[in-house]
Every structure is written in C-alpha cells, then in structure tokens.
C-alpha atoms as a PDB file:
ATOM      1  CA  MET A   1      70.860  65.846  87.238  1.00  0.00           C
ATOM      2  CA  ASN A   2      73.040  66.651  85.112  1.00  0.00           C
ATOM      3  CA  SER A   3      70.956  70.303  84.000  1.00  0.00           C
ATOM      4  CA  LYS A   4      72.265  73.497  85.554  1.00  0.00           C
ATOM      5  CA  THR A   5      69.000  74.109  87.336  1.00  0.00           C
ATOM      6  CA  TYR A   6      67.061  72.326  89.817  1.00  0.00           C
ATOM      7  CA  SER A   7      64.255  71.993  91.584  1.00  0.00           C
ATOM      8  CA  ILE A   8      64.785  73.264  95.342  1.00  0.00           C
ATOM      9  CA  CYS A   9      62.619  73.087  97.691  1.00  0.00           C
ATOM     10  CA  VAL A  10      63.860  75.304 100.872  1.00  0.00           C
ATOM     11  CA  VAL A  11      62.593  74.257 104.063  1.00  0.00           C
ATOM     12  CA  GLY A  12      62.408  76.941 106.835  1.00  0.00           C
ATOM     13  CA  GLY A  13      62.831  79.281 103.447  1.00  0.00           C
ATOM     14  CA  THR A  14      60.356  81.647 105.719  1.00  0.00           C
ATOM     15  CA  GLY A  15      63.043  82.778 107.149  1.00  0.00           C
ATOM     16  CA  ALA A  16      65.830  85.494 106.569  1.00  0.00           C
ATOM     17  CA  GLU A  17      68.516  82.785 105.740  1.00  0.00           C
ATOM     18  CA  GLY A  18      66.559  80.451 103.787  1.00  0.00           C
ATOM     19  CA  GLY A  19      64.364  83.524 102.065  1.00  0.00           C
ATOM     20  CA  GLY A  20      66.726  85.018 100.943  1.00  0.00           C
ATOM     21  CA  LEU A  21      68.450  81.644  99.431  1.00  0.00           C
ATOM     22  CA  ALA A  22      65.594  80.660  97.168  1.00  0.00           C
ATOM     23  CA  LEU A  23      65.577  84.702  95.905  1.00  0.00           C
ATOM     24  CA  ARG A  24      68.963  84.463  94.323  1.00  0.00           C
ATOM     25  CA  TRP A  25      68.394  80.617  93.234  1.00  0.00           C
ATOM     26  CA  ALA A  26      64.955  81.753  91.762  1.00  0.00           C
ATOM     27  CA  ARG A  27      66.033  84.693  90.045  1.00  0.00           C
ATOM     28  CA  TYR A  28      69.612  83.028  88.833  1.00  0.00           C
ATOM     29  CA  GLY A  29      66.466  80.564  86.984  1.00  0.00           C
ATOM     30  CA  HIS A  30      65.746  77.126  89.204  1.00  0.00           C
ATOM     31  CA  ARG A  31      62.362  76.096  90.292  1.00  0.00           C
ATOM     32  CA  VAL A  32      62.218  77.216  94.069  1.00  0.00           C
ATOM     33  CA  MET A  33      59.597  75.523  96.371  1.00  0.00           C
ATOM     34  CA  ILE A  34      59.383  77.258  99.472  1.00  0.00           C
ATOM     35  CA  GLY A  35      58.349  74.476 102.537  1.00  0.00           C
ATOM     36  CA  SER A  36      56.812  74.927 105.854  1.00  0.00           C
ATOM     37  CA  ARG A  37      54.275  73.234 108.031  1.00  0.00           C
ATOM     38  CA  ASP A  38      51.851  76.106 107.402  1.00  0.00           C
ATOM     39  CA  VAL A  39      51.061  76.503 103.495  1.00  0.00           C
ATOM     40  CA  ALA A  40      50.019  79.638 103.997  1.00  0.00           C
ATOM     41  CA  LYS A  41      52.811  81.370 105.476  1.00  0.00           C
ATOM     42  CA  ALA A  42      54.692  79.276 103.063  1.00  0.00           C
ATOM     43  CA  GLN A  43      52.714  81.127 100.215  1.00  0.00           C
ATOM     44  CA  ALA A  44      52.442  84.167 101.973  1.00  0.00           C
ATOM     45  CA  ALA A  45      56.641  84.069 101.599  1.00  0.00           C
ATOM     46  CA  ALA A  46      56.926  82.962  97.926  1.00  0.00           C
ATOM     47  CA  ALA A  47      54.088  86.031  97.760  1.00  0.00           C
ATOM     48  CA  GLU A  48      56.968  88.982  99.162  1.00  0.00           C
ATOM     49  CA  LEU A  49      59.933  87.179  96.714  1.00  0.00           C
ATOM     50  CA  ASN A  50      58.107  86.965  94.020  1.00  0.00           C
ATOM     51  CA  ALA A  51      56.882  91.053  94.112  1.00  0.00           C
ATOM     52  CA  ARG A  52      61.041  91.058  94.503  1.00  0.00           C
ATOM     53  CA  LEU A  53      61.767  89.168  91.819  1.00  0.00           C
ATOM     54  CA  GLY A  54      58.462  90.690  89.068  1.00  0.00           C
ATOM     55  CA  ALA A  55      57.356  87.595  88.029  1.00  0.00           C
ATOM     56  CA  ASP A  56      56.281  84.472  89.789  1.00  0.00           C
ATOM     57  CA  LEU A  57      59.481  82.146  89.985  1.00  0.00           C
ATOM     58  CA  VAL A  58      58.581  81.105  93.752  1.00  0.00           C
ATOM     59  CA  SER A  59      55.264  78.874  95.425  1.00  0.00           C
ATOM     60  CA  GLY A  60      54.869  77.998  98.549  1.00  0.00           C
ATOM     61  CA  THR A  61      54.062  75.099  99.659  1.00  0.00           C
ATOM     62  CA  GLU A  62      53.845  71.885 103.200  1.00  0.00           C
ATOM     63  CA  SER A  63      58.052  71.164 103.800  1.00  0.00           C
ATOM     64  CA  ALA A  64      57.362  67.319 102.959  1.00  0.00           C
ATOM     65  CA  GLN A  65      54.922  67.596  99.539  1.00  0.00           C
ATOM     66  CA  GLY A  66      57.644  70.170  98.598  1.00  0.00           C
ATOM     67  CA  ALA A  67      60.567  67.638  99.724  1.00  0.00           C
ATOM     68  CA  ALA A  68      58.857  65.024  97.198  1.00  0.00           C
ATOM     69  CA  ALA A  69      58.831  67.050  94.834  1.00  0.00           C
ATOM     70  CA  ALA A  70      62.426  68.513  94.178  1.00  0.00           C
ATOM     71  CA  ASP A  71      65.890  67.198  93.576  1.00  0.00           C
ATOM     72  CA  ILE A  72      67.734  69.354  95.919  1.00  0.00           C
ATOM     73  CA  VAL A  73      66.381  69.818  99.492  1.00  0.00           C
ATOM     74  CA  VAL A  74      68.035  72.791 101.546  1.00  0.00           C
ATOM     75  CA  LEU A  75      67.520  72.569 105.144  1.00  0.00           C
ATOM     76  CA  THR A  76      67.298  76.642 106.592  1.00  0.00           C
ATOM     77  CA  VAL A  77      65.505  76.028 110.419  1.00  0.00           C
ATOM     78  CA  PRO A  78      66.703  76.834 113.976  1.00  0.00           C
ATOM     79  CA  PHE A  79      68.594  73.775 115.694  1.00  0.00           C
ATOM     80  CA  ALA A  80      65.966  72.926 118.271  1.00  0.00           C
ATOM     81  CA  ALA A  81      63.867  72.194 115.460  1.00  0.00           C
ATOM     82  CA  GLN A  82      66.503  70.836 112.833  1.00  0.00           C
ATOM     83  CA  GLN A  83      66.461  67.086 114.039  1.00  0.00           C
ATOM     84  CA  PRO A  84      62.499  67.205 114.324  1.00  0.00           C
ATOM     85  CA  THR A  85      62.323  68.328 111.241  1.00  0.00           C
ATOM     86  CA  VAL A  86      64.476  65.912 109.258  1.00  0.00           C
ATOM     87  CA  ALA A  87      62.951  62.784 110.546  1.00  0.00           C
ATOM     88  CA  GLY A  88      59.365  64.118 109.740  1.00  0.00           C
ATOM     89  CA  LEU A  89      60.293  64.818 106.092  1.00  0.00           C
ATOM     90  CA  LYS A  90      63.037  61.465 106.468  1.00  0.00           C
ATOM     91  CA  ALA A  91      60.748  59.227 103.511  1.00  0.00           C
ATOM     92  CA  ALA A  92      60.700  62.670 101.619  1.00  0.00           C
ATOM     93  CA  LEU A  93      64.565  63.055 101.311  1.00  0.00           C
ATOM     94  CA  GLN A  94      66.158  59.380 100.182  1.00  0.00           C
ATOM     95  CA  GLY A  95      67.664  59.651  97.178  1.00  0.00           C
ATOM     96  CA  LYS A  96      68.568  62.775  97.165  1.00  0.00           C
ATOM     97  CA  ILE A  97      70.580  65.783  98.338  1.00  0.00           C
ATOM     98  CA  LEU A  98      69.618  67.680 101.704  1.00  0.00           C
ATOM     99  CA  ILE A  99      72.020  70.989 101.912  1.00  0.00           C
ATOM    100  CA  ASP A 100      71.667  71.256 105.861  1.00  0.00           C
ATOM    101  CA  VAL A 101      72.965  75.060 106.605  1.00  0.00           C
ATOM    102  CA  THR A 102      72.054  73.957 110.443  1.00  0.00           C
ATOM    103  CA  VAL A 103      73.910  76.087 113.197  1.00  0.00           C
ATOM    104  CA  PRO A 104      74.063  74.857 116.548  1.00  0.00           C
ATOM    105  CA  LEU A 105      73.518  78.219 118.332  1.00  0.00           C
ATOM    106  CA  VAL A 106      71.917  78.212 121.355  1.00  0.00           C
ATOM    107  CA  PRO A 107      69.768  80.950 122.847  1.00  0.00           C
ATOM    108  CA  PRO A 108      70.998  83.145 125.377  1.00  0.00           C
ATOM    109  CA  LYS A 109      74.482  83.106 124.549  1.00  0.00           C
ATOM    110  CA  VAL A 110      74.757  82.675 120.563  1.00  0.00           C
ATOM    111  CA  GLY A 111      78.280  84.625 121.033  1.00  0.00           C
ATOM    112  CA  THR A 112      79.405  81.220 122.193  1.00  0.00           C
ATOM    113  CA  VAL A 113      80.627  78.146 120.621  1.00  0.00           C
ATOM    114  CA  GLN A 114      78.112  75.123 122.433  1.00  0.00           C
ATOM    115  CA  LEU A 115      78.004  72.050 119.938  1.00  0.00           C
ATOM    116  CA  PRO A 116      76.427  69.004 120.275  1.00  0.00           C
ATOM    117  CA  GLU A 117      78.075  65.691 122.294  1.00  0.00           C
ATOM    118  CA  SER A 118      78.050  64.663 118.212  1.00  0.00           C
ATOM    119  CA  ASP A 119      80.796  67.539 117.683  1.00  0.00           C
ATOM    120  CA  SER A 120      79.034  68.142 114.424  1.00  0.00           C
ATOM    121  CA  CYS A 121      74.437  68.811 114.154  1.00  0.00           C
ATOM    122  CA  VAL A 122      75.060  67.887 110.253  1.00  0.00           C
ATOM    123  CA  VAL A 123      77.015  65.463 111.145  1.00  0.00           C
ATOM    124  CA  ALA A 124      74.144  63.676 113.077  1.00  0.00           C
ATOM    125  CA  VAL A 125      71.559  64.124 110.825  1.00  0.00           C
ATOM    126  CA  GLN A 126      73.399  62.299 108.346  1.00  0.00           C
ATOM    127  CA  ARG A 127      73.394  59.023 110.802  1.00  0.00           C
ATOM    128  CA  MET A 128      69.634  59.930 111.387  1.00  0.00           C
ATOM    129  CA  LEU A 129      68.981  59.951 107.510  1.00  0.00           C
ATOM    130  CA  GLY A 130      70.960  56.998 107.035  1.00  0.00           C
ATOM    131  CA  ASP A 131      73.613  56.516 103.159  1.00  0.00           C
ATOM    132  CA  GLN A 132      70.715  57.044 100.330  1.00  0.00           C
ATOM    133  CA  VAL A 133      70.668  60.765 100.846  1.00  0.00           C
ATOM    134  CA  TRP A 134      73.907  62.777 100.589  1.00  0.00           C
ATOM    135  CA  VAL A 135      74.019  64.817 102.914  1.00  0.00           C
ATOM    136  CA  VAL A 136      75.848  68.328 102.534  1.00  0.00           C
ATOM    137  CA  SER A 137      76.669  71.153 104.708  1.00  0.00           C
ATOM    138  CA  ALA A 138      76.841  74.858 103.040  1.00  0.00           C
ATOM    139  CA  PHE A 139      75.836  78.430 104.247  1.00  0.00           C
ATOM    140  CA  GLN A 140      76.044  78.639 107.690  1.00  0.00           C
ATOM    141  CA  ASN A 141      78.391  81.763 107.637  1.00  0.00           C
ATOM    142  CA  VAL A 142      76.617  83.890 105.264  1.00  0.00           C
ATOM    143  CA  SER A 143      74.514  87.372 106.497  1.00  0.00           C
ATOM    144  CA  ALA A 144      71.474  86.899 105.673  1.00  0.00           C
ATOM    145  CA  HIS A 145      70.374  89.692 105.796  1.00  0.00           C
ATOM    146  CA  LYS A 146      72.076  90.787 103.138  1.00  0.00           C
ATOM    147  CA  LEU A 147      71.313  87.525 101.039  1.00  0.00           C
ATOM    148  CA  LYS A 148      67.612  89.243  99.763  1.00  0.00           C
ATOM    149  CA  ASN A 149      69.315  92.067  98.507  1.00  0.00           C
ATOM    150  CA  LEU A 150      69.736  91.482  95.199  1.00  0.00           C
ATOM    151  CA  ASP A 151      72.090  94.258  94.529  1.00  0.00           C
ATOM    152  CA  TYR A 152      74.919  93.627  97.503  1.00  0.00           C
ATOM    153  CA  GLU A 153      77.203  91.541  96.366  1.00  0.00           C
ATOM    154  CA  ILE A 154      78.113  89.903 100.255  1.00  0.00           C
ATOM    155  CA  ASP A 155      81.936  89.539 100.655  1.00  0.00           C
ATOM    156  CA  CYS A 156      81.908  85.861 102.098  1.00  0.00           C
ATOM    157  CA  ASP A 157      83.094  81.919 101.122  1.00  0.00           C
ATOM    158  CA  VAL A 158      80.744  79.165 101.619  1.00  0.00           C
ATOM    159  CA  LEU A 159      82.146  76.207 103.143  1.00  0.00           C
ATOM    160  CA  VAL A 160      80.894  73.003 101.344  1.00  0.00           C
ATOM    161  CA  ALA A 161      81.303  70.000 103.273  1.00  0.00           C
ATOM    162  CA  SER A 162      79.623  65.868 102.235  1.00  0.00           C
ATOM    163  CA  ASP A 163      81.317  62.905 102.170  1.00  0.00           C
ATOM    164  CA  ASP A 164      79.978  62.621  98.408  1.00  0.00           C
ATOM    165  CA  LYS A 165      81.890  65.025  96.050  1.00  0.00           C
ATOM    166  CA  ASP A 166      79.417  64.877  93.649  1.00  0.00           C
ATOM    167  CA  ALA A 167      76.760  66.265  96.189  1.00  0.00           C
ATOM    168  CA  ARG A 168      79.549  68.680  97.329  1.00  0.00           C
ATOM    169  CA  ALA A 169      80.253  69.614  93.501  1.00  0.00           C
ATOM    170  CA  ILE A 170      76.865  70.588  93.686  1.00  0.00           C
ATOM    171  CA  GLY A 171      76.883  72.784  96.477  1.00  0.00           C
ATOM    172  CA  ILE A 172      79.675  74.873  95.351  1.00  0.00           C
ATOM    173  CA  GLU A 173      78.078  76.229  91.818  1.00  0.00           C
ATOM    174  CA  LEU A 174      74.589  76.246  93.944  1.00  0.00           C
ATOM    175  CA  ALA A 175      77.093  78.863  96.287  1.00  0.00           C
ATOM    176  CA  ARG A 176      77.645  80.556  92.427  1.00  0.00           C
ATOM    177  CA  HIS A 177      74.650  80.463  91.317  1.00  0.00           C
ATOM    178  CA  ALA A 178      73.714  82.745  94.489  1.00  0.00           C
ATOM    179  CA  GLY A 179      76.752  84.859  94.236  1.00  0.00           C
ATOM    180  CA  LEU A 180      78.778  83.293  96.465  1.00  0.00           C
ATOM    181  CA  ARG A 181      82.487  81.361  96.298  1.00  0.00           C
ATOM    182  CA  GLY A 182      81.842  77.526  97.175  1.00  0.00           C
ATOM    183  CA  ILE A 183      84.508  76.661  99.113  1.00  0.00           C
ATOM    184  CA  ASP A 184      85.126  72.451  99.091  1.00  0.00           C
ATOM    185  CA  VAL A 185      86.055  71.472 102.167  1.00  0.00           C
ATOM    186  CA  GLY A 186      85.996  67.899 102.287  1.00  0.00           C
ATOM    187  CA  VAL A 187      84.410  64.683 103.929  1.00  0.00           C
ATOM    188  CA  LEU A 188      81.184  66.079 106.527  1.00  0.00           C
ATOM    189  CA  ALA A 189      82.928  66.005 109.779  1.00  0.00           C
ATOM    190  CA  ASN A 190      84.222  69.335 108.770  1.00  0.00           C
ATOM    191  CA  SER A 191      81.070  70.736 109.459  1.00  0.00           C
ATOM    192  CA  VAL A 192      82.596  71.611 112.375  1.00  0.00           C
ATOM    193  CA  VAL A 193      83.660  74.246 111.354  1.00  0.00           C
ATOM    194  CA  ALA A 194      81.492  76.262 110.086  1.00  0.00           C
ATOM    195  CA  GLU A 195      78.967  75.512 111.869  1.00  0.00           C
ATOM    196  CA  SER A 196      81.649  76.830 114.822  1.00  0.00           C
ATOM    197  CA  LEU A 197      82.814  79.413 112.684  1.00  0.00           C
ATOM    198  CA  THR A 198      79.122  81.104 113.275  1.00  0.00           C
ATOM    199  CA  SER A 199      79.133  82.166 116.803  1.00  0.00           C
ATOM    200  CA  VAL A 200      82.662  83.511 116.200  1.00  0.00           C
ATOM    201  CA  LEU A 201      81.154  85.575 113.440  1.00  0.00           C
ATOM    202  CA  ILE A 202      78.489  87.084 115.638  1.00  0.00           C
ATOM    203  CA  SER A 203      80.636  87.746 119.069  1.00  0.00           C
ATOM    204  CA  ILE A 204      83.442  89.734 115.913  1.00  0.00           C
ATOM    205  CA  ASN A 205      79.882  91.948 114.838  1.00  0.00           C
ATOM    206  CA  ARG A 206      78.833  92.849 118.598  1.00  0.00           C
ATOM    207  CA  LEU A 207      82.511  93.926 119.361  1.00  0.00           C
ATOM    208  CA  TYR A 208      83.680  95.767 116.495  1.00  0.00           C
ATOM    209  CA  LYS A 209      79.888  97.271 115.716  1.00  0.00           C
ATOM    210  CA  ILE A 210      79.520  96.319 112.053  1.00  0.00           C
ATOM    211  CA  PRO A 211      77.402  94.135 110.541  1.00  0.00           C
ATOM    212  CA  ASP A 212      78.125  90.707 108.937  1.00  0.00           C
ATOM    213  CA  SER A 213      81.224  90.178 109.273  1.00  0.00           C
ATOM    214  CA  GLY A 214      82.601  86.578 106.969  1.00  0.00           C
ATOM    215  CA  ILE A 215      85.420  84.180 106.254  1.00  0.00           C
ATOM    216  CA  ARG A 216      87.851  84.065 103.061  1.00  0.00           C
ATOM    217  CA  ILE A 217      89.495  81.925 101.265  1.00  0.00           C
ATOM    218  CA  THR A 218      92.879  82.119 100.408  1.00  0.00           C
ATOM    219  CA  GLY A 219      95.703  81.633  98.627  1.00  0.00           C
ATOM    220  CA  LEU A 220      92.890  79.882  96.307  1.00  0.00           C
ATOM    221  CA  PRO A 221      93.634  80.533  92.503  1.00  0.00           C
ATOM    222  CA  THR A 222      91.637  82.870  90.762  1.00  0.00           C
ATOM    223  CA  GLU A 223      88.764  81.922  88.201  1.00  0.00           C
END
C-alpha cells in the first residue's frame, strides 16, 4: 500500500462518527465503502454522504463484503457490538489493517470511565484477531457531530496507537486526510488512555455546557 489513496470500508459508517470520517476521506480521494449488516441502510447512508459531496464517491455494502474488498477497515460501532462484529469479520480482516475507534462506554454512566477487564477494548480485539491483522487505535476523542461539517476545522488531536509502526503511520496519514493531526503514541496498550479520555471529555462537556471538548498535545514541533 504505497499509494496515498486507499480503499476503505467503514463498518458502522451509518452512525455519526463513521459517517463523518467516511465523508472526509471520500473528499480527500479515497475509495470509501459504508459497511453494515443492513445493505439498504448502508446504501442510504452512502447516498446521504454523496449528496453532501456533490458526487458519487461513497458506496454502501454488507460489512463482510466491504471488509474483504478494502485495503483498510475502520470499525465505528458501539462498544456492545465491537467484539461480535469483529468475530464475524475475522476471516475478511486477515492480512489487513483494522482501525478501531471503539470507546468502552457503558450507558447510562457514559461520563464515567468503565474499562473492560482487559483494560483496553482495542487490545482485546487484537488478541481475538491474531498477528495477521494489524490493529490500530485512533479517533476515539473526536467530536462526531463536527465531522460531517466539511467547513469546520476540528480543534482536536488524534492519538494513534498500534504494535506495528507502519500501521501507526497509516493511521496518522488518515487522520491528516480527515483534516486532523495524528499523534504517534506508541504501542496498542497505550490505547487505554484514549479510550478513557472520551468519558472525561463527556463529563467536561456536561459540566462546562459545551458541545465538543477535545485534546491537544503541546510541545511538538509545528509541521
């Protein structure tokens, strides 16, 4: 994958976070598929994104078919659906990069950090899939409702973790293509920080009555 553009299947792309990322990546020039168990729902979501883009750049498909056809798969489903969804896609994911956006939110206390027994829900996915899938943790702390506004510059960094440095580099690249700054935070175990931060940001939003608090890493050289 030396090209700067990829074929990307966003599983769960019918939701706000996945749809926003899909929109921004399609605008950049990637070939984007919305993956869902419900093909009609995926196609409707793709049509809505294409209307915003003014061109047919996004398609809708069944998740396993999209994952098999893609260079990169992005998982943007709720925590409760994370492991069942990954289990169903395990064969299609072999030999690919999986970018997992999952946050272990447990309603109704979504403003309280509630990590699973494994500490990191993304590390648990890497263990499930084995070493022929390169799992990347990213995009957990980005405000979903701002992603679909293509004119909005989101004031938030993206923490990118993976046990594979080349996969991390692609995660950082895709963050940039979505108009964000990706930060290499090292191995996948460090995903626990990004996963925890989302509940902290939700609490900040509620306490300060703001819609979209984010994070910035200071002290880095400007590009």
